[in-house]
């Protein structure tokens, strides 16, 4: 059972990093630092969008409009950190 919890924790950490990279890349695209016409950037952006958007969309729909600010990645990161803490503090020690 600990192996399953370790895999879940690893998947949550990987998703956290993908979410952070997606947010930073969206800022770079918004400020025209990187060009989405570049095939490599377009491929990376499309992959990150497909991975993060299905989870972020329901959070965005529930949050109030903040005048162009997208707080859904922060909310999702807080949820991920909460799940990780629950696993580490309550589930992991209880497994023999």
PDB file of N, CA and C in Angstrom:
ATOM      1  N   UNK A   1       0.823  -1.197   0.000  1.00  0.00           N
ATOM      2  CA  UNK A   1       0.000   0.000   0.000  1.00  0.00           C
ATOM      3  C   UNK A   1       0.871   1.266   0.000  1.00  0.00           C
ATOM      4  N   UNK A   2       2.028   1.183   0.671  1.00  0.00           N
ATOM      5  CA  UNK A   2       2.902   2.361   0.681  1.00  0.00           C
ATOM      6  C   UNK A   2       3.425   2.674  -0.715  1.00  0.00           C
ATOM      7  N   UNK A   3       3.616   1.655  -1.510  1.00  0.00           N
ATOM      8  CA  UNK A   3       4.080   1.889  -2.877  1.00  0.00           C
ATOM      9  C   UNK A   3       3.032   2.658  -3.679  1.00  0.00           C
ATOM     10  N   UNK A   4       1.772   2.339  -3.467  1.00  0.00           N
ATOM     11  CA  UNK A   4       0.692   3.051  -4.157  1.00  0.00           C
ATOM     12  C   UNK A   4       0.654   4.511  -3.700  1.00  0.00           C
ATOM     13  N   UNK A   5       0.802   4.737  -2.397  1.00  0.00           N
ATOM     14  CA  UNK A   5       0.814   6.110  -1.885  1.00  0.00           C
ATOM     15  C   UNK A   5       2.026   6.878  -2.401  1.00  0.00           C
ATOM     16  N   UNK A   6       3.173   6.202  -2.529  1.00  0.00           N
ATOM     17  CA  UNK A   6       4.351   6.858  -3.092  1.00  0.00           C
ATOM     18  C   UNK A   6       4.130   7.252  -4.549  1.00  0.00           C
ATOM     19  N   UNK A   7       3.468   6.397  -5.304  1.00  0.00           N
ATOM     20  CA  UNK A   7       3.178   6.712  -6.710  1.00  0.00           C
ATOM     21  C   UNK A   7       2.201   7.892  -6.796  1.00  0.00           C
ATOM     22  N   UNK A   8       1.209   7.917  -5.921  1.00  0.00           N
ATOM     23  CA  UNK A   8       0.250   9.029  -5.908  1.00  0.00           C
ATOM     24  C   UNK A   8       0.959  10.332  -5.549  1.00  0.00           C
ATOM     25  N   UNK A   9       1.835  10.293  -4.554  1.00  0.00           N
ATOM     26  CA  UNK A   9       2.584  11.498  -4.180  1.00  0.00           C
ATOM     27  C   UNK A   9       3.486  11.964  -5.318  1.00  0.00           C
ATOM     28  N   UNK A  10       4.126  11.031  -5.999  1.00  0.00           N
ATOM     29  CA  UNK A  10       4.976  11.392  -7.131  1.00  0.00           C
ATOM     30  C   UNK A  10       4.150  12.003  -8.263  1.00  0.00           C
ATOM     31  N   UNK A  11       2.993  11.430  -8.546  1.00  0.00           N
ATOM     32  CA  UNK A  11       2.122  11.979  -9.594  1.00  0.00           C
ATOM     33  C   UNK A  11       1.651  13.385  -9.228  1.00  0.00           C
ATOM     34  N   UNK A  12       1.337  13.616  -7.968  1.00  0.00           N
ATOM     35  CA  UNK A  12       0.924  14.953  -7.532  1.00  0.00           C
ATOM     36  C   UNK A  12       2.070  15.953  -7.660  1.00  0.00           C
ATOM     37  N   UNK A  13       3.286  15.538  -7.348  1.00  0.00           N
ATOM     38  CA  UNK A  13       4.436  16.434  -7.494  1.00  0.00           C
ATOM     39  C   UNK A  13       4.707  16.755  -8.959  1.00  0.00           C
ATOM     40  N   UNK A  14       4.607  15.760  -9.828  1.00  0.00           N
ATOM     41  CA  UNK A  14       4.801  16.005 -11.260  1.00  0.00           C
ATOM     42  C   UNK A  14       3.727  16.950 -11.786  1.00  0.00           C
ATOM     43  N   UNK A  15       2.474  16.735 -11.368  1.00  0.00           N
ATOM     44  CA  UNK A  15       1.393  17.607 -11.823  1.00  0.00           C
ATOM     45  C   UNK A  15       1.583  19.030 -11.302  1.00  0.00           C
ATOM     46  N   UNK A  16       2.118  19.161 -10.087  1.00  0.00           N
ATOM     47  CA  UNK A  16       2.406  20.496  -9.544  1.00  0.00           C
ATOM     48  C   UNK A  16       3.399  21.222 -10.435  1.00  0.00           C
ATOM     49  N   UNK A  17       4.470  20.532 -10.831  1.00  0.00           N
ATOM     50  CA  UNK A  17       5.461  21.165 -11.690  1.00  0.00           C
ATOM     51  C   UNK A  17       4.893  21.486 -13.071  1.00  0.00           C
ATOM     52  N   UNK A  18       4.066  20.605 -13.621  1.00  0.00           N
ATOM     53  CA  UNK A  18       3.435  20.900 -14.908  1.00  0.00           C
ATOM     54  C   UNK A  18       2.531  22.125 -14.812  1.00  0.00           C
ATOM     55  N   UNK A  19       1.838  22.263 -13.706  1.00  0.00           N
ATOM     56  CA  UNK A  19       0.964  23.417 -13.488  1.00  0.00           C
ATOM     57  C   UNK A  19       1.769  24.711 -13.389  1.00  0.00           C
ATOM     58  N   UNK A  20       2.886  24.674 -12.681  1.00  0.00           N
ATOM     59  CA  UNK A  20       3.741  25.859 -12.555  1.00  0.00           C
ATOM     60  C   UNK A  20       4.341  26.227 -13.909  1.00  0.00           C
ATOM     61  N   UNK A  21       4.832  25.244 -14.643  1.00  0.00           N
ATOM     62  CA  UNK A  21       5.403  25.513 -15.970  1.00  0.00           C
ATOM     63  C   UNK A  21       4.340  26.078 -16.900  1.00  0.00           C
ATOM     64  N   UNK A  22       3.124  25.551 -16.816  1.00  0.00           N
ATOM     65  CA  UNK A  22       2.034  26.055 -17.659  1.00  0.00           C
ATOM     66  C   UNK A  22       1.713  27.511 -17.336  1.00  0.00           C
ATOM     67  N   UNK A  23       1.692  27.860 -16.054  1.00  0.00           N
ATOM     68  CA  UNK A  23       1.402  29.239 -15.665  1.00  0.00           C
ATOM     69  C   UNK A  23       2.496  30.187 -16.143  1.00  0.00           C
ATOM     70  N   UNK A  24       3.747  29.802 -15.975  1.00  0.00           N
ATOM     71  CA  UNK A  24       4.859  30.651 -16.408  1.00  0.00           C
ATOM     72  C   UNK A  24       4.851  30.798 -17.929  1.00  0.00           C
ATOM     73  N   UNK A  25       4.610  29.700 -18.646  1.00  0.00           N
ATOM     74  CA  UNK A  25       4.570  29.779 -20.101  1.00  0.00           C
ATOM     75  C   UNK A  25       3.409  30.651 -20.582  1.00  0.00           C
ATOM     76  N   UNK A  26       2.283  30.603 -19.890  1.00  0.00           N
ATOM     77  CA  UNK A  26       1.162  31.462 -20.287  1.00  0.00           C
ATOM     78  C   UNK A  26       1.502  32.935 -20.093  1.00  0.00           C
ATOM     79  N   UNK A  27       2.264  33.254 -19.042  1.00  0.00           N
ATOM     80  CA  UNK A  27       2.712  34.641 -18.850  1.00  0.00           C
ATOM     81  C   UNK A  27       3.674  35.049 -19.962  1.00  0.00           C
ATOM     82  N   UNK A  28       4.601  34.151 -20.305  1.00  0.00           N
ATOM     83  CA  UNK A  28       5.562  34.470 -21.357  1.00  0.00           C
ATOM     84  C   UNK A  28       4.872  34.661 -22.701  1.00  0.00           C
ATOM     85  N   UNK A  29       3.841  33.892 -22.959  1.00  0.00           N
ATOM     86  CA  UNK A  29       3.080  34.052 -24.200  1.00  0.00           C
ATOM     87  C   UNK A  29       2.276  35.347 -24.165  1.00  0.00           C
ATOM     88  N   UNK A  30       1.680  35.663 -23.018  1.00  0.00           N
ATOM     89  CA  UNK A  30       0.866  36.881 -22.905  1.00  0.00           C
ATOM     90  C   UNK A  30       1.703  38.144 -23.099  1.00  0.00           C
ATOM     91  N   UNK A  31       2.957  38.130 -22.646  1.00  0.00           N
ATOM     92  CA  UNK A  31       3.820  39.301 -22.771  1.00  0.00           C
ATOM     93  C   UNK A  31       4.714  39.244 -24.004  1.00  0.00           C
ATOM     94  N   UNK A  32       4.418  38.346 -24.933  1.00  0.00           N
ATOM     95  CA  UNK A  32       5.135  38.198 -26.202  1.00  0.00           C
ATOM     96  C   UNK A  32       6.633  37.967 -26.022  1.00  0.00           C
ATOM     97  N   UNK A  33       6.997  37.243 -24.991  1.00  0.00           N
ATOM     98  CA  UNK A  33       8.397  36.878 -24.804  1.00  0.00           C
ATOM     99  C   UNK A  33       8.727  35.666 -25.671  1.00  0.00           C
ATOM    100  N   UNK A  34       7.795  34.714 -25.725  1.00  0.00           N
ATOM    101  CA  UNK A  34       7.960  33.568 -26.613  1.00  0.00           C
ATOM    102  C   UNK A  34       6.877  33.631 -27.678  1.00  0.00           C
ATOM    103  N   UNK A  35       7.188  33.088 -28.817  1.00  0.00           N
ATOM    104  CA  UNK A  35       6.298  33.144 -29.963  1.00  0.00           C
ATOM    105  C   UNK A  35       5.630  31.780 -30.138  1.00  0.00           C
ATOM    106  N   UNK A  36       4.312  31.773 -30.163  1.00  0.00           N
ATOM    107  CA  UNK A  36       3.592  30.502 -30.330  1.00  0.00           C
ATOM    108  C   UNK A  36       3.643  29.999 -31.769  1.00  0.00           C
ATOM    109  N   UNK A  37       4.180  30.791 -32.692  1.00  0.00           N
ATOM    110  CA  UNK A  37       4.328  30.305 -34.070  1.00  0.00           C
ATOM    111  C   UNK A  37       5.498  29.336 -34.190  1.00  0.00           C
ATOM    112  N   UNK A  38       6.368  29.351 -33.193  1.00  0.00           N
ATOM    113  CA  UNK A  38       7.459  28.383 -33.148  1.00  0.00           C
ATOM    114  C   UNK A  38       6.859  27.011 -32.873  1.00  0.00           C
ATOM    115  N   UNK A  39       7.235  26.017 -33.673  1.00  0.00           N
ATOM    116  CA  UNK A  39       6.641  24.680 -33.576  1.00  0.00           C
ATOM    117  C   UNK A  39       6.896  24.044 -32.215  1.00  0.00           C
ATOM    118  N   UNK A  40       8.098  24.202 -31.674  1.00  0.00           N
ATOM    119  CA  UNK A  40       8.437  23.609 -30.380  1.00  0.00           C
ATOM    120  C   UNK A  40       7.600  24.229 -29.260  1.00  0.00           C
ATOM    121  N   UNK A  41       7.516  25.547 -29.237  1.00  0.00           N
ATOM    122  CA  UNK A  41       6.729  26.242 -28.216  1.00  0.00           C
ATOM    123  C   UNK A  41       5.254  25.872 -28.355  1.00  0.00           C
ATOM    124  N   UNK A  42       4.769  25.807 -29.561  1.00  0.00           N
ATOM    125  CA  UNK A  42       3.373  25.449 -29.795  1.00  0.00           C
ATOM    126  C   UNK A  42       3.072  24.041 -29.308  1.00  0.00           C
ATOM    127  N   UNK A  43       3.976  23.111 -29.533  1.00  0.00           N
ATOM    128  CA  UNK A  43       3.779  21.730 -29.088  1.00  0.00           C
ATOM    129  C   UNK A  43       3.781  21.638 -27.571  1.00  0.00           C
ATOM    130  N   UNK A  44       4.735  22.305 -26.927  1.00  0.00           N
ATOM    131  CA  UNK A  44       4.805  22.295 -25.458  1.00  0.00           C
ATOM    132  C   UNK A  44       3.559  22.940 -24.875  1.00  0.00           C
ATOM    133  N   UNK A  45       3.136  24.073 -25.427  1.00  0.00           N
ATOM    134  CA  UNK A  45       1.962  24.773 -24.921  1.00  0.00           C
ATOM    135  C   UNK A  45       0.703  23.921 -25.077  1.00  0.00           C
ATOM    136  N   UNK A  46       0.576  23.246 -26.210  1.00  0.00           N
ATOM    137  CA  UNK A  46      -0.588  22.396 -26.445  1.00  0.00           C
ATOM    138  C   UNK A  46      -0.618  21.226 -25.464  1.00  0.00           C
ATOM    139  N   UNK A  47       0.530  20.614 -25.220  1.00  0.00           N
ATOM    140  CA  UNK A  47       0.591  19.503 -24.269  1.00  0.00           C
ATOM    141  C   UNK A  47       0.243  19.962 -22.857  1.00  0.00           C
ATOM    142  N   UNK A  48       0.804  21.087 -22.434  1.00  0.00           N
ATOM    143  CA  UNK A  48       0.511  21.601 -21.097  1.00  0.00           C
ATOM    144  C   UNK A  48      -0.957  22.011 -20.968  1.00  0.00           C
ATOM    145  N   UNK A  49      -1.501  22.596 -22.022  1.00  0.00           N
ATOM    146  CA  UNK A  49      -2.907  22.993 -22.009  1.00  0.00           C
ATOM    147  C   UNK A  49      -3.815  21.774 -21.880  1.00  0.00           C
ATOM    148  N   UNK A  50      -3.507  20.726 -22.625  1.00  0.00           N
ATOM    149  CA  UNK A  50      -4.331  19.508 -22.571  1.00  0.00           C
ATOM    150  C   UNK A  50      -4.239  18.795 -21.229  1.00  0.00           C
ATOM    151  N   UNK A  51      -3.115  18.924 -20.542  1.00  0.00           N
ATOM    152  CA  UNK A  51      -2.933  18.261 -19.252  1.00  0.00           C
ATOM    153  C   UNK A  51      -3.580  19.053 -18.120  1.00  0.00           C
ATOM    154  N   UNK A  52      -3.469  20.374 -18.158  1.00  0.00           N
ATOM    155  CA  UNK A  52      -3.928  21.182 -17.029  1.00  0.00           C
ATOM    156  C   UNK A  52      -5.354  21.717 -17.174  1.00  0.00           C
ATOM    157  N   UNK A  53      -5.796  21.961 -18.366  1.00  0.00           N
ATOM    158  CA  UNK A  53      -7.087  22.607 -18.568  1.00  0.00           C
ATOM    159  C   UNK A  53      -8.285  21.803 -18.057  1.00  0.00           C
ATOM    160  N   UNK A  54      -8.346  20.483 -18.216  1.00  0.00           N
ATOM    161  CA  UNK A  54      -9.518  19.760 -17.691  1.00  0.00           C
ATOM    162  C   UNK A  54      -9.693  19.886 -16.178  1.00  0.00           C
ATOM    163  N   UNK A  55      -8.609  20.108 -15.450  1.00  0.00           N
ATOM    164  CA  UNK A  55      -8.716  20.274 -14.001  1.00  0.00           C
ATOM    165  C   UNK A  55      -8.963  21.730 -13.638  1.00  0.00           C
ATOM    166  N   UNK A  56      -8.396  22.643 -14.400  1.00  0.00           N
ATOM    167  CA  UNK A  56      -8.540  24.070 -14.090  1.00  0.00           C
ATOM    168  C   UNK A  56      -9.905  24.636 -14.483  1.00  0.00           C
ATOM    169  N   UNK A  57     -10.519  24.109 -15.537  1.00  0.00           N
ATOM    170  CA  UNK A  57     -11.782  24.654 -16.028  1.00  0.00           C
ATOM    171  C   UNK A  57     -12.896  24.659 -14.978  1.00  0.00           C
ATOM    172  N   UNK A  58     -13.135  23.543 -14.248  1.00  0.00           N
ATOM    173  CA  UNK A  58     -14.197  23.598 -13.221  1.00  0.00           C
ATOM    174  C   UNK A  58     -13.888  24.583 -12.099  1.00  0.00           C
ATOM    175  N   UNK A  59     -12.614  24.750 -11.770  1.00  0.00           N
ATOM    176  CA  UNK A  59     -12.239  25.718 -10.732  1.00  0.00           C
ATOM    177  C   UNK A  59     -12.499  27.124 -11.244  1.00  0.00           C
ATOM    178  N   UNK A  60     -12.148  27.390 -12.504  1.00  0.00           N
ATOM    179  CA  UNK A  60     -12.402  28.710 -13.098  1.00  0.00           C
ATOM    180  C   UNK A  60     -13.891  29.042 -13.133  1.00  0.00           C
ATOM    181  N   UNK A  61     -14.718  28.035 -13.403  1.00  0.00           N
ATOM    182  CA  UNK A  61     -16.158  28.277 -13.468  1.00  0.00           C
ATOM    183  C   UNK A  61     -16.744  28.639 -12.109  1.00  0.00           C
ATOM    184  N   UNK A  62     -16.147  28.145 -11.027  1.00  0.00           N
ATOM    185  CA  UNK A  62     -16.660  28.425  -9.688  1.00  0.00           C
ATOM    186  C   UNK A  62     -16.111  29.708  -9.079  1.00  0.00           C
ATOM    187  N   UNK A  63     -14.933  30.153  -9.520  1.00  0.00           N
ATOM    188  CA  UNK A  63     -14.349  31.375  -8.979  1.00  0.00           C
ATOM    189  C   UNK A  63     -15.014  32.605  -9.594  1.00  0.00           C
ATOM    190  N   UNK A  64     -15.146  33.687  -8.814  1.00  0.00           N
ATOM    191  CA  UNK A  64     -15.696  34.918  -9.392  1.00  0.00           C
ATOM    192  C   UNK A  64     -14.683  35.561 -10.347  1.00  0.00           C
ATOM    193  N   UNK A  65     -15.180  36.384 -11.249  1.00  0.00           N
ATOM    194  CA  UNK A  65     -14.319  37.091 -12.189  1.00  0.00           C
ATOM    195  C   UNK A  65     -13.441  38.076 -11.425  1.00  0.00           C
ATOM    196  N   UNK A  66     -12.152  38.053 -11.711  1.00  0.00           N
ATOM    197  CA  UNK A  66     -11.200  38.901 -10.994  1.00  0.00           C
ATOM    198  C   UNK A  66     -10.572  39.949 -11.912  1.00  0.00           C
ATOM    199  N   UNK A  67     -11.214  40.287 -12.987  1.00  0.00           N
ATOM    200  CA  UNK A  67     -10.710  41.330 -13.863  1.00  0.00           C
ATOM    201  C   UNK A  67      -9.451  40.935 -14.618  1.00  0.00           C
ATOM    202  N   UNK A  68      -9.422  39.750 -15.157  1.00  0.00           N
ATOM    203  CA  UNK A  68      -8.280  39.305 -15.938  1.00  0.00           C
ATOM    204  C   UNK A  68      -7.297  38.456 -15.162  1.00  0.00           C
ATOM    205  N   UNK A  69      -7.412  38.417 -13.852  1.00  0.00           N
ATOM    206  CA  UNK A  69      -6.540  37.557 -13.050  1.00  0.00           C
ATOM    207  C   UNK A  69      -7.109  36.151 -12.994  1.00  0.00           C
ATOM    208  N   UNK A  70      -6.278  35.177 -13.258  1.00  0.00           N
ATOM    209  CA  UNK A  70      -6.697  33.779 -13.193  1.00  0.00           C
ATOM    210  C   UNK A  70      -6.088  33.158 -11.945  1.00  0.00           C
ATOM    211  N   UNK A  71      -6.911  32.975 -10.932  1.00  0.00           N
ATOM    212  CA  UNK A  71      -6.438  32.416  -9.669  1.00  0.00           C
ATOM    213  C   UNK A  71      -6.631  30.913  -9.574  1.00  0.00           C
ATOM    214  N   UNK A  72      -7.143  30.302 -10.631  1.00  0.00           N
ATOM    215  CA  UNK A  72      -7.404  28.867 -10.582  1.00  0.00           C
ATOM    216  C   UNK A  72      -6.139  28.017 -10.383  1.00  0.00           C
ATOM    217  N   UNK A  73      -4.977  28.366 -10.957  1.00  0.00           N
ATOM    218  CA  UNK A  73      -3.784  27.555 -10.655  1.00  0.00           C
ATOM    219  C   UNK A  73      -3.394  27.609  -9.180  1.00  0.00           C
ATOM    220  N   UNK A  74      -3.570  28.757  -8.545  1.00  0.00           N
ATOM    221  CA  UNK A  74      -3.242  28.878  -7.122  1.00  0.00           C
ATOM    222  C   UNK A  74      -4.181  28.018  -6.294  1.00  0.00           C
ATOM    223  N   UNK A  75      -5.468  28.051  -6.624  1.00  0.00           N
ATOM    224  CA  UNK A  75      -6.440  27.228  -5.906  1.00  0.00           C
ATOM    225  C   UNK A  75      -6.121  25.754  -6.095  1.00  0.00           C
ATOM    226  N   UNK A  76      -5.787  25.360  -7.315  1.00  0.00           N
ATOM    227  CA  UNK A  76      -5.455  23.963  -7.575  1.00  0.00           C
ATOM    228  C   UNK A  76      -4.186  23.549  -6.839  1.00  0.00           C
ATOM    229  N   UNK A  77      -3.194  24.422  -6.782  1.00  0.00           N
ATOM    230  CA  UNK A  77      -1.985  24.106  -6.028  1.00  0.00           C
ATOM    231  C   UNK A  77      -2.288  23.927  -4.545  1.00  0.00           C
ATOM    232  N   UNK A  78      -3.146  24.764  -4.001  1.00  0.00           N
ATOM    233  CA  UNK A  78      -3.531  24.609  -2.597  1.00  0.00           C
ATOM    234  C   UNK A  78      -4.245  23.281  -2.358  1.00  0.00           C
ATOM    235  N   UNK A  79      -5.089  22.887  -3.287  1.00  0.00           N
ATOM    236  CA  UNK A  79      -5.790  21.596  -3.168  1.00  0.00           C
ATOM    237  C   UNK A  79      -4.784  20.442  -3.238  1.00  0.00           C
ATOM    238  N   UNK A  80      -3.832  20.531  -4.154  1.00  0.00           N
ATOM    239  CA  UNK A  80      -2.815  19.483  -4.278  1.00  0.00           C
ATOM    240  C   UNK A  80      -1.972  19.404  -3.012  1.00  0.00           C
ATOM    241  N   UNK A  81      -1.558  20.559  -2.473  1.00  0.00           N
ATOM    242  CA  UNK A  81      -0.759  20.558  -1.246  1.00  0.00           C
ATOM    243  C   UNK A  81      -1.549  19.969  -0.085  1.00  0.00           C
ATOM    244  N   UNK A  82      -2.847  20.254  -0.022  1.00  0.00           N
ATOM    245  CA  UNK A  82      -3.693  19.692   1.029  1.00  0.00           C
ATOM    246  C   UNK A  82      -3.757  18.170   0.912  1.00  0.00           C
ATOM    247  N   UNK A  83      -3.955  17.672  -0.306  1.00  0.00           N
ATOM    248  CA  UNK A  83      -4.022  16.224  -0.517  1.00  0.00           C
ATOM    249  C   UNK A  83      -2.693  15.565  -0.150  1.00  0.00           C
ATOM    250  N   UNK A  84      -1.585  16.196  -0.527  1.00  0.00           N
ATOM    251  CA  UNK A  84      -0.279  15.640  -0.169  1.00  0.00           C
ATOM    252  C   UNK A  84      -0.098  15.580   1.344  1.00  0.00           C
ATOM    253  N   UNK A  85      -0.499  16.625   2.042  1.00  0.00           N
ATOM    254  CA  UNK A  85      -0.358  16.641   3.502  1.00  0.00           C
ATOM    255  C   UNK A  85      -1.233  15.578   4.152  1.00  0.00           C
ATOM    256  N   UNK A  86      -2.435  15.388   3.651  1.00  0.00           N
ATOM    257  CA  UNK A  86      -3.313  14.347   4.193  1.00  0.00           C
ATOM    258  C   UNK A  86      -2.686  12.976   3.999  1.00  0.00           C
ATOM    259  N   UNK A  87      -2.126  12.738   2.834  1.00  0.00           N
ATOM    260  CA  UNK A  87      -1.492  11.443   2.572  1.00  0.00           C
ATOM    261  C   UNK A  87      -0.291  11.239   3.496  1.00  0.00           C
ATOM    262  N   UNK A  88       0.568  12.247   3.599  1.00  0.00           N
ATOM    263  CA  UNK A  88       1.791  12.099   4.381  1.00  0.00           C
ATOM    264  C   UNK A  88       1.501  11.999   5.874  1.00  0.00           C
ATOM    265  N   UNK A  89       0.584  12.810   6.374  1.00  0.00           N
ATOM    266  CA  UNK A  89       0.367  12.849   7.820  1.00  0.00           C
ATOM    267  C   UNK A  89      -0.623  11.821   8.332  1.00  0.00           C
ATOM    268  N   UNK A  90      -1.607  11.436   7.535  1.00  0.00           N
ATOM    269  CA  UNK A  90      -2.665  10.565   8.043  1.00  0.00           C
ATOM    270  C   UNK A  90      -2.708   9.187   7.391  1.00  0.00           C
ATOM    271  N   UNK A  91      -2.546   9.109   6.091  1.00  0.00           N
ATOM    272  CA  UNK A  91      -2.660   7.819   5.420  1.00  0.00           C
ATOM    273  C   UNK A  91      -1.364   7.022   5.460  1.00  0.00           C
ATOM    274  N   UNK A  92      -0.250   7.672   5.211  1.00  0.00           N
ATOM    275  CA  UNK A  92       1.027   6.959   5.129  1.00  0.00           C
ATOM    276  C   UNK A  92       1.421   6.309   6.460  1.00  0.00           C
ATOM    277  N   UNK A  93       1.299   7.012   7.617  1.00  0.00           N
ATOM    278  CA  UNK A  93       1.669   6.352   8.886  1.00  0.00           C
ATOM    279  C   UNK A  93       0.712   5.230   9.278  1.00  0.00           C
ATOM    280  N   UNK A  94      -0.514   5.256   8.806  1.00  0.00           N
ATOM    281  CA  UNK A  94      -1.490   4.264   9.190  1.00  0.00           C
ATOM    282  C   UNK A  94      -1.308   2.949   8.443  1.00  0.00           C
ATOM    283  N   UNK A  95      -0.548   2.972   7.348  1.00  0.00           N
ATOM    284  CA  UNK A  95      -0.322   1.772   6.551  1.00  0.00           C
ATOM    285  C   UNK A  95       0.864   1.022   7.132  1.00  0.00           C
ATOM    286  N   UNK A  96       0.695  -0.273   7.323  1.00  0.00           N
ATOM    287  CA  UNK A  96       1.767  -1.089   7.903  1.00  0.00           C
ATOM    288  C   UNK A  96       2.671  -1.642   6.859  1.00  0.00           C
TER     289      UNK A  96
END
